Amino acid sequence: MIVAFPDVQSLDVTGPAEAFAAAGGYRVEVVAPAAGVVRAASGIALWADRALADVRGPIDTLVVAGGAGTRVVMADDEFLAAVRRLAPKCRRVASVCSGAFALAAAGLLDGRRATTHWGWCDALAESFPTVTVEPDRIFVRDGEVWTSAGVTAGIDLALAMVEEDCGRDVALAVARRLVVFLKRPGGQSQFSAQLSGQLAERQPIGDLQAWIVEHLDADLSVERLADRAAMSVRNFSRTFAREVGVTPARFVERTRVEGARRLLEESTLSVDEVARRCGFGTAETMRRTFLRALHVTPTEYRRRFRIQEESA
């Protein structure tokens, strides 16, 4: 059962729904504060089969979606009471994206580990101090309560549930059908990093970023980059961090990781050669960086991608 509401994020509803439907053996039902049409934040009309207050249970899986409307339902005592009432009647309770705020407001995350969209993790931790927020997780399971990161991470959450219920072969078949990873490598930081590391609008920082992407095997120390930008190291570091949102060193590391990911996905180059071309120097240095940034080794990253490639 998936709980929607006005201004819900439509993919928070349809992503898990499609994963469960593709697995077979599940009956997916959408409920909302009122039965009938539910207008998503995107303007898409979804259909709620029943009103949340009319649901009695038992329920196998209750998934609370997220979206802009979360703020409203967090302040809706009837909505929270209904979720709180149904939770003991469920085998498991879950949230997608900012739906974690609704679960937290209902008291269902007290003393538990949880995650949400990377952009809202700090707010969740500040608003609900009893919740241990894990900001770099695609999804978190704490007992019978599951929470996922933003939007498409709801599919990852649903696939993990399908794997638990139906086995890995079924879950892999669903992942292949949906053309997604069965287990996505890395955490949320790989996505938030690319958003925070946008090309700077002002020159010479924007030109320098583009140059870094094309010269990953060069000396990309802060001193060399500052020279290339014709700035002092101190002024360059401050200007870069202000315009890009991360330090030069962090941008270089993330860009090298991204370049290595592409080569691991798209080429048959050895790990040693990928490390050399992307400026890591040695395969061991690249391995340590991958573990720190993506929580997976380069070899494992390539193996997972090739499993996905076979599904095409």
C-alpha atoms as a PDB file:
ATOM      1  CA  MET A   1       0.000   0.000   0.000  1.00  0.00           C
ATOM      2  CA  ILE A   2       1.412   3.382  -1.041  1.00  0.00           C
ATOM      3  CA  VAL A   3       0.279   6.538   0.732  1.00  0.00           C
ATOM      4  CA  ALA A   4      -0.016   9.613  -1.491  1.00  0.00           C
ATOM      5  CA  PHE A   5      -1.346  13.130  -0.867  1.00  0.00           C
ATOM      6  CA  PRO A   6      -1.791  16.402  -2.796  1.00  0.00           C
ATOM      7  CA  ASP A   7       1.529  17.722  -4.171  1.00  0.00           C
ATOM      8  CA  VAL A   8       3.165  14.329  -3.784  1.00  0.00           C
ATOM      9  CA  GLN A   9       6.242  13.533  -5.879  1.00  0.00           C
ATOM     10  CA  SER A  10       4.743  11.272  -8.531  1.00  0.00           C
ATOM     11  CA  LEU A  11       7.859   9.099  -8.904  1.00  0.00           C
ATOM     12  CA  ASP A  12       7.791   8.373  -5.173  1.00  0.00           C
ATOM     13  CA  VAL A  13       4.501   6.618  -5.876  1.00  0.00           C
ATOM     14  CA  THR A  14       4.942   5.179  -9.362  1.00  0.00           C
ATOM     15  CA  GLY A  15       8.574   4.063  -8.982  1.00  0.00           C
ATOM     16  CA  PRO A  16       7.975   1.548  -6.181  1.00  0.00           C
ATOM     17  CA  ALA A  17       4.585   0.649  -7.677  1.00  0.00           C
ATOM     18  CA  GLU A  18       6.183  -0.343 -10.991  1.00  0.00           C
ATOM     19  CA  ALA A  19       8.872  -2.383  -9.248  1.00  0.00           C
ATOM     20  CA  PHE A  20       6.327  -4.318  -7.192  1.00  0.00           C
ATOM     21  CA  ALA A  21       4.045  -4.800 -10.197  1.00  0.00           C
ATOM     22  CA  ALA A  22       6.901  -6.090 -12.357  1.00  0.00           C
ATOM     23  CA  ALA A  23       7.802  -8.657  -9.695  1.00  0.00           C
ATOM     24  CA  GLY A  24       4.318 -10.162  -9.691  1.00  0.00           C
ATOM     25  CA  GLY A  25       2.580 -11.511  -6.623  1.00  0.00           C
ATOM     26  CA  TYR A  26       1.913  -8.076  -5.136  1.00  0.00           C
ATOM     27  CA  ARG A  27      -1.357  -6.151  -5.163  1.00  0.00           C
ATOM     28  CA  VAL A  28      -0.467  -2.479  -5.194  1.00  0.00           C
ATOM     29  CA  GLU A  29      -3.001  -0.025  -3.811  1.00  0.00           C
ATOM     30  CA  VAL A  30      -2.691   3.752  -3.541  1.00  0.00           C
ATOM     31  CA  VAL A  31      -4.453   5.527  -0.693  1.00  0.00           C
ATOM     32  CA  ALA A  32      -4.605   9.206   0.226  1.00  0.00           C
ATOM     33  CA  PRO A  33      -6.302  11.528   2.729  1.00  0.00           C
ATOM     34  CA  ALA A  34      -9.321  11.361   0.410  1.00  0.00           C
ATOM     35  CA  ALA A  35     -10.217   8.758  -2.204  1.00  0.00           C
ATOM     36  CA  GLY A  36     -10.207   9.731  -5.864  1.00  0.00           C
ATOM     37  CA  VAL A  37      -7.916  11.988  -7.846  1.00  0.00           C
ATOM     38  CA  VAL A  38      -4.698  13.124  -6.165  1.00  0.00           C
ATOM     39  CA  ARG A  39      -2.836  15.862  -7.996  1.00  0.00           C
ATOM     40  CA  ALA A  40       0.942  15.374  -7.847  1.00  0.00           C
ATOM     41  CA  ALA A  41       3.357  18.297  -7.621  1.00  0.00           C
ATOM     42  CA  SER A  42       4.111  17.835 -11.321  1.00  0.00           C
ATOM     43  CA  GLY A  43       0.429  18.224 -12.182  1.00  0.00           C
ATOM     44  CA  ILE A  44      -0.062  14.541 -12.962  1.00  0.00           C
ATOM     45  CA  ALA A  45      -3.327  13.084 -11.660  1.00  0.00           C
ATOM     46  CA  LEU A  46      -2.948   9.925  -9.593  1.00  0.00           C
ATOM     47  CA  TRP A  47      -5.823   7.774  -8.354  1.00  0.00           C
ATOM     48  CA  ALA A  48      -6.304   6.842  -4.711  1.00  0.00           C
ATOM     49  CA  ASP A  49      -8.407   3.717  -4.286  1.00  0.00           C
ATOM     50  CA  ARG A  50      -9.399   4.534  -0.713  1.00  0.00           C
ATOM     51  CA  ALA A  51      -9.114   7.180   1.928  1.00  0.00           C
ATOM     52  CA  LEU A  52      -6.313   6.511   4.403  1.00  0.00           C
ATOM     53  CA  ALA A  53      -8.731   6.754   7.339  1.00  0.00           C
ATOM     54  CA  ASP A  54     -10.810   3.909   5.872  1.00  0.00           C
ATOM     55  CA  VAL A  55      -7.929   1.425   5.811  1.00  0.00           C
ATOM     56  CA  ARG A  56      -8.112  -1.137   8.577  1.00  0.00           C
ATOM     57  CA  GLY A  57      -5.421  -3.704   7.793  1.00  0.00           C
ATOM     58  CA  PRO A  58      -3.673  -6.016   8.029  1.00  0.00           C
ATOM     59  CA  ILE A  59      -1.180  -4.639   5.499  1.00  0.00           C
ATOM     60  CA  ASP A  60       1.983  -6.275   4.238  1.00  0.00           C
ATOM     61  CA  THR A  61       3.945  -3.149   3.289  1.00  0.00           C
ATOM     62  CA  LEU A  62       2.992   0.473   3.909  1.00  0.00           C
ATOM     63  CA  VAL A  63       5.005   3.007   1.898  1.00  0.00           C
ATOM     64  CA  VAL A  64       4.622   6.734   2.607  1.00  0.00           C
ATOM     65  CA  ALA A  65       5.666   8.834  -0.388  1.00  0.00           C
ATOM     66  CA  GLY A  66       7.270  12.272  -0.217  1.00  0.00           C
ATOM     67  CA  GLY A  67       7.124  15.531  -2.099  1.00  0.00           C
ATOM     68  CA  ALA A  68       6.214  19.175  -1.604  1.00  0.00           C
ATOM     69  CA  GLY A  69       2.980  18.194   0.141  1.00  0.00           C
ATOM     70  CA  THR A  70       4.886  16.539   2.975  1.00  0.00           C
ATOM     71  CA  ARG A  71       4.861  19.794   4.945  1.00  0.00           C
ATOM     72  CA  VAL A  72       1.071  19.767   4.934  1.00  0.00           C
ATOM     73  CA  VAL A  73       0.602  16.157   6.031  1.00  0.00           C
ATOM     74  CA  MET A  74       3.233  16.589   8.759  1.00  0.00           C
ATOM     75  CA  ALA A  75       0.871  19.088  10.341  1.00  0.00           C
ATOM     76  CA  ASP A  76      -2.234  16.966   9.721  1.00  0.00           C
ATOM     77  CA  ASP A  77      -3.021  15.202  12.995  1.00  0.00           C
ATOM     78  CA  GLU A  78      -5.542  12.869  11.336  1.00  0.00           C
ATOM     79  CA  PHE A  79      -3.036  11.807   8.689  1.00  0.00           C
ATOM     80  CA  LEU A  80      -0.323  11.127  11.258  1.00  0.00           C
ATOM     81  CA  ALA A  81      -2.754   9.307  13.545  1.00  0.00           C
ATOM     82  CA  ALA A  82      -3.814   7.047  10.673  1.00  0.00           C
ATOM     83  CA  VAL A  83      -0.203   6.178   9.818  1.00  0.00           C
ATOM     84  CA  ARG A  84       0.552   5.581  13.497  1.00  0.00           C
ATOM     85  CA  ARG A  85      -2.538   3.372  13.840  1.00  0.00           C
ATOM     86  CA  LEU A  86      -1.714   1.268  10.797  1.00  0.00           C
ATOM     87  CA  ALA A  87       1.991   0.760  11.528  1.00  0.00           C
ATOM     88  CA  PRO A  88       1.500  -2.117  14.033  1.00  0.00           C
ATOM     89  CA  LYS A  89      -0.730  -3.865  11.480  1.00  0.00           C
ATOM     90  CA  CYS A  90       2.026  -3.885   8.830  1.00  0.00           C
ATOM     91  CA  ARG A  91       4.829  -6.343   8.267  1.00  0.00           C
ATOM     92  CA  ARG A  92       6.986  -3.370   7.362  1.00  0.00           C
ATOM     93  CA  VAL A  93       6.635   0.394   7.051  1.00  0.00           C
ATOM     94  CA  ALA A  94       8.643   2.508   4.638  1.00  0.00           C
ATOM     95  CA  SER A  95       9.075   5.996   3.287  1.00  0.00           C
ATOM     96  CA  VAL A  96      10.425   7.431   0.061  1.00  0.00           C
ATOM     97  CA  CYS A  97      12.325  10.723  -0.014  1.00  0.00           C
ATOM     98  CA  SER A  98      10.782  13.347   2.304  1.00  0.00           C
ATOM     99  CA  GLY A  99       8.149  10.827   3.361  1.00  0.00           C
ATOM    100  CA  ALA A 100      10.632  10.161   6.173  1.00  0.00           C
ATOM    101  CA  PHE A 101       9.483  13.435   7.749  1.00  0.00           C
ATOM    102  CA  ALA A 102       5.931  12.082   7.939  1.00  0.00           C
ATOM    103  CA  LEU A 103       7.123   8.866   9.570  1.00  0.00           C
ATOM    104  CA  ALA A 104       9.240  10.874  11.996  1.00  0.00           C
ATOM    105  CA  ALA A 105       6.349  13.207  12.824  1.00  0.00           C
ATOM    106  CA  ALA A 106       4.235  10.125  13.544  1.00  0.00           C
ATOM    107  CA  GLY A 107       6.900   8.919  15.977  1.00  0.00           C
ATOM    108  CA  LEU A 108       7.809   5.871  13.913  1.00  0.00           C
ATOM    109  CA  LEU A 109      11.483   6.788  13.528  1.00  0.00           C
ATOM    110  CA  ASP A 110      12.202   7.518  17.186  1.00  0.00           C
ATOM    111  CA  GLY A 111      15.462   5.831  18.150  1.00  0.00           C
ATOM    112  CA  ARG A 112      15.951   4.470  14.637  1.00  0.00           C
ATOM    113  CA  ARG A 113      18.377   4.993  11.783  1.00  0.00           C
ATOM    114  CA  ALA A 114      16.906   6.609   8.681  1.00  0.00           C
ATOM    115  CA  THR A 115      17.667   8.557   5.541  1.00  0.00           C
ATOM    116  CA  THR A 116      15.920  10.924   3.157  1.00  0.00           C
ATOM    117  CA  HIS A 117      16.765  13.053   0.115  1.00  0.00           C
ATOM    118  CA  TRP A 118      20.359  14.283   0.447  1.00  0.00           C
ATOM    119  CA  GLY A 119      19.172  17.892   0.404  1.00  0.00           C
ATOM    120  CA  TRP A 120      16.952  17.345   3.452  1.00  0.00           C
ATOM    121  CA  CYS A 121      19.093  15.135   5.687  1.00  0.00           C
ATOM    122  CA  ASP A 122      20.292  18.011   7.861  1.00  0.00           C
ATOM    123  CA  ALA A 123      16.735  19.271   8.295  1.00  0.00           C
ATOM    124  CA  LEU A 124      15.524  15.807   9.293  1.00  0.00           C
ATOM    125  CA  ALA A 125      18.297  15.496  11.872  1.00  0.00           C
ATOM    126  CA  GLU A 126      17.609  18.962  13.273  1.00  0.00           C
ATOM    127  CA  SER A 127      13.833  18.531  13.391  1.00  0.00           C
ATOM    128  CA  PHE A 128      13.921  15.060  14.929  1.00  0.00           C
ATOM    129  CA  PRO A 129      16.979  14.676  17.199  1.00  0.00           C
ATOM    130  CA  THR A 130      15.976  11.157  18.246  1.00  0.00           C
ATOM    131  CA  VAL A 131      16.458   9.937  14.672  1.00  0.00           C
ATOM    132  CA  THR A 132      19.952   8.886  13.583  1.00  0.00           C
ATOM    133  CA  VAL A 133      20.147  10.225  10.024  1.00  0.00           C
ATOM    134  CA  GLU A 134      22.501   8.469   7.603  1.00  0.00           C
ATOM    135  CA  PRO A 135      22.892  11.027   4.798  1.00  0.00           C
ATOM    136  CA  ASP A 136      24.875   8.965   2.294  1.00  0.00           C
ATOM    137  CA  ARG A 137      22.635   5.909   2.125  1.00  0.00           C
ATOM    138  CA  ILE A 138      20.357   5.062  -0.798  1.00  0.00           C
ATOM    139  CA  PHE A 139      18.070   3.348   1.692  1.00  0.00           C
ATOM    140  CA  VAL A 140      18.215   2.315   5.335  1.00  0.00           C
ATOM    141  CA  ARG A 141      16.535  -0.621   7.002  1.00  0.00           C
ATOM    142  CA  ASP A 142      16.129  -0.546  10.765  1.00  0.00           C
ATOM    143  CA  GLY A 143      14.085  -3.538  11.809  1.00  0.00           C
ATOM    144  CA  GLU A 144      10.687  -3.390  10.170  1.00  0.00           C
ATOM    145  CA  VAL A 145      11.082   0.280   9.200  1.00  0.00           C
ATOM    146  CA  TRP A 146      12.684   1.234   5.883  1.00  0.00           C
ATOM    147  CA  THR A 147      13.500   4.706   4.568  1.00  0.00           C
ATOM    148  CA  SER A 148      14.957   5.709   1.225  1.00  0.00           C
ATOM    149  CA  ALA A 149      16.750   8.655  -0.292  1.00  0.00           C
ATOM    150  CA  GLY A 150      15.234  10.947  -2.891  1.00  0.00           C
ATOM    151  CA  VAL A 151      12.786  10.124  -5.661  1.00  0.00           C
ATOM    152  CA  THR A 152      14.232   7.253  -7.754  1.00  0.00           C
ATOM    153  CA  ALA A 153      15.760   5.711  -4.621  1.00  0.00           C
ATOM    154  CA  GLY A 154      12.238   4.454  -3.961  1.00  0.00           C
ATOM    155  CA  ILE A 155      12.891   1.941  -6.739  1.00  0.00           C
ATOM    156  CA  ASP A 156      16.060   0.763  -4.961  1.00  0.00           C
ATOM    157  CA  LEU A 157      14.012   0.366  -1.791  1.00  0.00           C
ATOM    158  CA  ALA A 158      11.311  -1.633  -3.564  1.00  0.00           C
ATOM    159  CA  LEU A 159      13.888  -3.871  -5.281  1.00  0.00           C
ATOM    160  CA  ALA A 160      15.472  -4.676  -1.927  1.00  0.00           C
ATOM    161  CA  MET A 161      12.050  -5.658  -0.607  1.00  0.00           C
ATOM    162  CA  VAL A 162      11.383  -7.784  -3.690  1.00  0.00           C
ATOM    163  CA  GLU A 163      14.737  -9.500  -3.222  1.00  0.00           C
ATOM    164  CA  GLU A 164      13.886 -10.268   0.407  1.00  0.00           C
ATOM    165  CA  ASP A 165      10.419 -11.571  -0.489  1.00  0.00           C
ATOM    166  CA  CYS A 166      11.014 -13.321  -3.800  1.00  0.00           C
ATOM    167  CA  GLY A 167      14.740 -13.949  -4.061  1.00  0.00           C
ATOM    168  CA  ARG A 168      17.593 -12.398  -5.987  1.00  0.00           C
ATOM    169  CA  ASP A 169      16.661 -13.868  -9.367  1.00  0.00           C
ATOM    170  CA  VAL A 170      13.250 -12.222  -9.342  1.00  0.00           C
ATOM    171  CA  ALA A 171      14.671  -8.925  -8.127  1.00  0.00           C
ATOM    172  CA  LEU A 172      17.362  -9.012 -10.813  1.00  0.00           C
ATOM    173  CA  ALA A 173      14.750  -9.718 -13.468  1.00  0.00           C
ATOM    174  CA  VAL A 174      12.767  -6.697 -12.292  1.00  0.00           C
ATOM    175  CA  ALA A 175      15.906  -4.533 -12.312  1.00  0.00           C
ATOM    176  CA  ARG A 176      16.636  -5.659 -15.859  1.00  0.00           C
ATOM    177  CA  ARG A 177      13.113  -4.880 -16.959  1.00  0.00           C
ATOM    178  CA  LEU A 178      13.275  -1.407 -15.418  1.00  0.00           C
ATOM    179  CA  VAL A 179      16.865  -0.903 -16.669  1.00  0.00           C
ATOM    180  CA  VAL A 180      18.260  -0.011 -13.239  1.00  0.00           C
ATOM    181  CA  PHE A 181      20.890  -1.418 -10.897  1.00  0.00           C
ATOM    182  CA  LEU A 182      19.706  -4.190  -8.626  1.00  0.00           C
ATOM    183  CA  LYS A 183      22.035  -2.696  -6.020  1.00  0.00           C
ATOM    184  CA  ARG A 184      23.172   0.773  -6.984  1.00  0.00           C
ATOM    185  CA  PRO A 185      26.873   1.287  -6.238  1.00  0.00           C
ATOM    186  CA  GLY A 186      27.770   4.140  -3.949  1.00  0.00           C
ATOM    187  CA  GLY A 187      25.662   6.479  -1.893  1.00  0.00           C
ATOM    188  CA  GLN A 188      23.821   9.735  -2.319  1.00  0.00           C
ATOM    189  CA  SER A 189      27.018  11.803  -2.304  1.00  0.00           C
ATOM    190  CA  GLN A 190      27.780  10.788  -5.878  1.00  0.00           C
ATOM    191  CA  PHE A 191      24.602  12.576  -6.980  1.00  0.00           C
ATOM    192  CA  SER A 192      24.696  15.589  -4.672  1.00  0.00           C
ATOM    193  CA  ALA A 193      28.348  16.055  -5.619  1.00  0.00           C
ATOM    194  CA  GLN A 194      27.525  16.463  -9.274  1.00  0.00           C
ATOM    195  CA  LEU A 195      24.832  19.001  -8.450  1.00  0.00           C
ATOM    196  CA  SER A 196      27.026  21.017  -6.108  1.00  0.00           C
ATOM    197  CA  GLY A 197      29.972  20.839  -8.494  1.00  0.00           C
ATOM    198  CA  GLN A 198      28.359  22.677 -11.374  1.00  0.00           C
ATOM    199  CA  LEU A 199      30.444  24.743 -13.765  1.00  0.00           C
ATOM    200  CA  ALA A 200      31.044  28.186 -12.318  1.00  0.00           C
ATOM    201  CA  GLU A 201      29.455  31.047 -14.197  1.00  0.00           C
ATOM    202  CA  ARG A 202      32.484  33.320 -13.877  1.00  0.00           C
ATOM    203  CA  GLN A 203      35.803  32.947 -15.612  1.00  0.00           C
ATOM    204  CA  PRO A 204      38.477  31.752 -15.206  1.00  0.00           C
ATOM    205  CA  ILE A 205      37.004  29.162 -12.816  1.00  0.00           C
ATOM    206  CA  GLY A 206      34.513  27.793 -15.358  1.00  0.00           C
ATOM    207  CA  ASP A 207      37.227  27.344 -18.005  1.00  0.00           C
ATOM    208  CA  LEU A 208      39.495  25.722 -15.443  1.00  0.00           C
ATOM    209  CA  GLN A 209      36.838  23.196 -14.463  1.00  0.00           C
ATOM    210  CA  ALA A 210      36.373  22.203 -18.093  1.00  0.00           C
ATOM    211  CA  TRP A 211      40.158  21.881 -18.449  1.00  0.00           C
ATOM    212  CA  ILE A 212      40.350  19.626 -15.371  1.00  0.00           C
ATOM    213  CA  VAL A 213      37.788  17.253 -16.881  1.00  0.00           C
ATOM    214  CA  GLU A 214      39.962  16.880 -19.985  1.00  0.00           C
ATOM    215  CA  HIS A 215      43.279  16.526 -18.116  1.00  0.00           C
ATOM    216  CA  LEU A 216      42.640  14.141 -15.249  1.00  0.00           C
ATOM    217  CA  ASP A 217      46.156  12.700 -15.465  1.00  0.00           C
ATOM    218  CA  ALA A 218      47.818  16.118 -15.076  1.00  0.00           C
ATOM    219  CA  ASP A 219      49.199  17.682 -11.895  1.00  0.00           C
ATOM    220  CA  LEU A 220      45.969  19.034 -10.411  1.00  0.00           C
ATOM    221  CA  SER A 221      47.340  20.258  -7.122  1.00  0.00           C
ATOM    222  CA  VAL A 222      45.858  23.457  -5.741  1.00  0.00           C
ATOM    223  CA  GLU A 223      49.130  25.272  -6.417  1.00  0.00           C
ATOM    224  CA  ARG A 224      49.190  24.258 -10.090  1.00  0.00           C
ATOM    225  CA  LEU A 225      45.529  25.100 -10.575  1.00  0.00           C
ATOM    226  CA  ALA A 226      45.994  28.493  -8.955  1.00  0.00           C
ATOM    227  CA  ASP A 227      48.905  29.188 -11.326  1.00  0.00           C
ATOM    228  CA  ARG A 228      46.769  28.235 -14.285  1.00  0.00           C
ATOM    229  CA  ALA A 229      44.016  30.591 -13.095  1.00  0.00           C
ATOM    230  CA  ALA A 230      46.620  33.347 -12.550  1.00  0.00           C
ATOM    231  CA  MET A 231      45.555  33.742  -8.929  1.00  0.00           C
ATOM    232  CA  SER A 232      47.209  33.360  -5.558  1.00  0.00           C
ATOM    233  CA  VAL A 233      46.585  30.015  -3.875  1.00  0.00           C
ATOM    234  CA  ARG A 234      44.569  31.664  -1.105  1.00  0.00           C
ATOM    235  CA  ASN A 235      42.390  33.747  -3.419  1.00  0.00           C
ATOM    236  CA  PHE A 236      41.926  30.851  -5.833  1.00  0.00           C
ATOM    237  CA  SER A 237      40.838  28.446  -3.095  1.00  0.00           C
ATOM    238  CA  ARG A 238      38.310  30.908  -1.703  1.00  0.00           C
ATOM    239  CA  THR A 239      36.942  31.902  -5.109  1.00  0.00           C
ATOM    240  CA  PHE A 240      36.655  28.301  -6.297  1.00  0.00           C
ATOM    241  CA  ALA A 241      34.857  27.129  -3.162  1.00  0.00           C
ATOM    242  CA  ARG A 242      32.468  30.090  -3.310  1.00  0.00           C
ATOM    243  CA  GLU A 243      31.534  29.623  -6.976  1.00  0.00           C
ATOM    244  CA  VAL A 244      31.571  25.834  -7.203  1.00  0.00           C
ATOM    245  CA  GLY A 245      30.435  24.851  -3.728  1.00  0.00           C
ATOM    246  CA  VAL A 246      33.346  22.523  -2.971  1.00  0.00           C
ATOM    247  CA  THR A 247      37.077  22.953  -2.501  1.00  0.00           C
ATOM    248  CA  PRO A 248      39.409  22.532  -5.507  1.00  0.00           C
ATOM    249  CA  ALA A 249      40.798  19.308  -4.053  1.00  0.00           C
ATOM    250  CA  ARG A 250      37.344  17.846  -3.534  1.00  0.00           C
ATOM    251  CA  PHE A 251      36.261  18.842  -7.037  1.00  0.00           C
ATOM    252  CA  VAL A 252      39.352  17.179  -8.512  1.00  0.00           C
ATOM    253  CA  GLU A 253      38.755  13.985  -6.540  1.00  0.00           C
ATOM    254  CA  ARG A 254      35.112  13.802  -7.556  1.00  0.00           C
ATOM    255  CA  THR A 255      35.918  14.526 -11.188  1.00  0.00           C
ATOM    256  CA  ARG A 256      38.572  11.818 -11.221  1.00  0.00           C
ATOM    257  CA  VAL A 257      36.161   9.350  -9.662  1.00  0.00           C
ATOM    258  CA  GLU A 258      33.557  10.243 -12.284  1.00  0.00           C
ATOM    259  CA  GLY A 259      36.098   9.791 -15.070  1.00  0.00           C
ATOM    260  CA  ALA A 260      37.163   6.426 -13.665  1.00  0.00           C
ATOM    261  CA  ARG A 261      33.551   5.321 -13.395  1.00  0.00           C
ATOM    262  CA  ARG A 262      32.998   6.063 -17.073  1.00  0.00           C
ATOM    263  CA  LEU A 263      36.100   4.137 -18.110  1.00  0.00           C
ATOM    264  CA  LEU A 264      35.159   1.183 -15.922  1.00  0.00           C
ATOM    265  CA  GLU A 265      31.687   1.180 -17.460  1.00  0.00           C
ATOM    266  CA  GLU A 266      32.575   1.814 -21.091  1.00  0.00           C
ATOM    267  CA  SER A 267      36.015   0.270 -21.658  1.00  0.00           C
ATOM    268  CA  THR A 268      37.962  -2.916 -21.100  1.00  0.00           C
ATOM    269  CA  LEU A 269      41.005  -1.078 -19.772  1.00  0.00           C
ATOM    270  CA  SER A 270      42.632  -2.669 -16.756  1.00  0.00           C
ATOM    271  CA  VAL A 271      42.070  -1.122 -13.355  1.00  0.00           C
ATOM    272  CA  ASP A 272      45.741  -0.092 -13.322  1.00  0.00           C
ATOM    273  CA  GLU A 273      45.354   1.745 -16.632  1.00  0.00           C
ATOM    274  CA  VAL A 274      42.143   3.437 -15.522  1.00  0.00           C
ATOM    275  CA  ALA A 275      43.920   4.625 -12.383  1.00  0.00           C
ATOM    276  CA  ARG A 276      46.786   6.030 -14.461  1.00  0.00           C
ATOM    277  CA  ARG A 277      44.577   7.799 -16.988  1.00  0.00           C
ATOM    278  CA  CYS A 278      42.434   9.384 -14.281  1.00  0.00           C
ATOM    279  CA  GLY A 279      45.365  10.705 -12.280  1.00  0.00           C
ATOM    280  CA  PHE A 280      45.193   8.378  -9.291  1.00  0.00           C
ATOM    281  CA  GLY A 281      48.715   7.124  -9.926  1.00  0.00           C
ATOM    282  CA  THR A 282      48.163   3.617  -8.610  1.00  0.00           C
ATOM    283  CA  ALA A 283      45.272   1.193  -8.511  1.00  0.00           C
ATOM    284  CA  GLU A 284      45.516   1.115  -4.708  1.00  0.00           C
ATOM    285  CA  THR A 285      45.067   4.880  -4.469  1.00  0.00           C
ATOM    286  CA  MET A 286      42.029   4.657  -6.728  1.00  0.00           C
ATOM    287  CA  ARG A 287      40.680   1.777  -4.675  1.00  0.00           C
ATOM    288  CA  ARG A 288      40.918   3.785  -1.443  1.00  0.00           C
ATOM    289  CA  THR A 289      39.271   6.781  -3.091  1.00  0.00           C
ATOM    290  CA  PHE A 290      36.408   4.663  -4.476  1.00  0.00           C
ATOM    291  CA  LEU A 291      35.803   3.119  -1.077  1.00  0.00           C
ATOM    292  CA  ARG A 292      35.710   6.540   0.534  1.00  0.00           C
ATOM    293  CA  ALA A 293      33.538   8.162  -2.158  1.00  0.00           C
ATOM    294  CA  LEU A 294      31.312   5.319  -3.362  1.00  0.00           C
ATOM    295  CA  HIS A 295      31.708   2.617  -0.687  1.00  0.00           C
ATOM    296  CA  VAL A 296      32.630   0.096  -3.370  1.00  0.00           C
ATOM    297  CA  THR A 297      35.912  -0.969  -5.001  1.00  0.00           C
ATOM    298  CA  PRO A 298      36.612  -0.238  -8.698  1.00  0.00           C
ATOM    299  CA  THR A 299      36.516  -3.955  -9.475  1.00  0.00           C
ATOM    300  CA  GLU A 300      33.151  -4.387  -7.766  1.00  0.00           C
ATOM    301  CA  TYR A 301      31.822  -1.271  -9.482  1.00  0.00           C
ATOM    302  CA  ARG A 302      32.742  -2.703 -12.882  1.00  0.00           C
ATOM    303  CA  ARG A 303      31.239  -6.084 -12.019  1.00  0.00           C
ATOM    304  CA  ARG A 304      27.927  -4.516 -11.011  1.00  0.00           C
ATOM    305  CA  PHE A 305      27.787  -2.412 -14.127  1.00  0.00           C
ATOM    306  CA  ARG A 306      28.411  -5.399 -16.387  1.00  0.00           C
ATOM    307  CA  ILE A 307      25.540  -7.259 -14.724  1.00  0.00           C
ATOM    308  CA  GLN A 308      23.386  -4.270 -15.565  1.00  0.00           C
ATOM    309  CA  GLU A 309      24.794  -4.093 -19.121  1.00  0.00           C
ATOM    310  CA  GLU A 310      23.760  -7.690 -19.750  1.00  0.00           C
ATOM    311  CA  SER A 311      20.152  -6.712 -19.020  1.00  0.00           C
ATOM    312  CA  ALA A 312      19.943  -4.357 -21.977  1.00  0.00           C
END
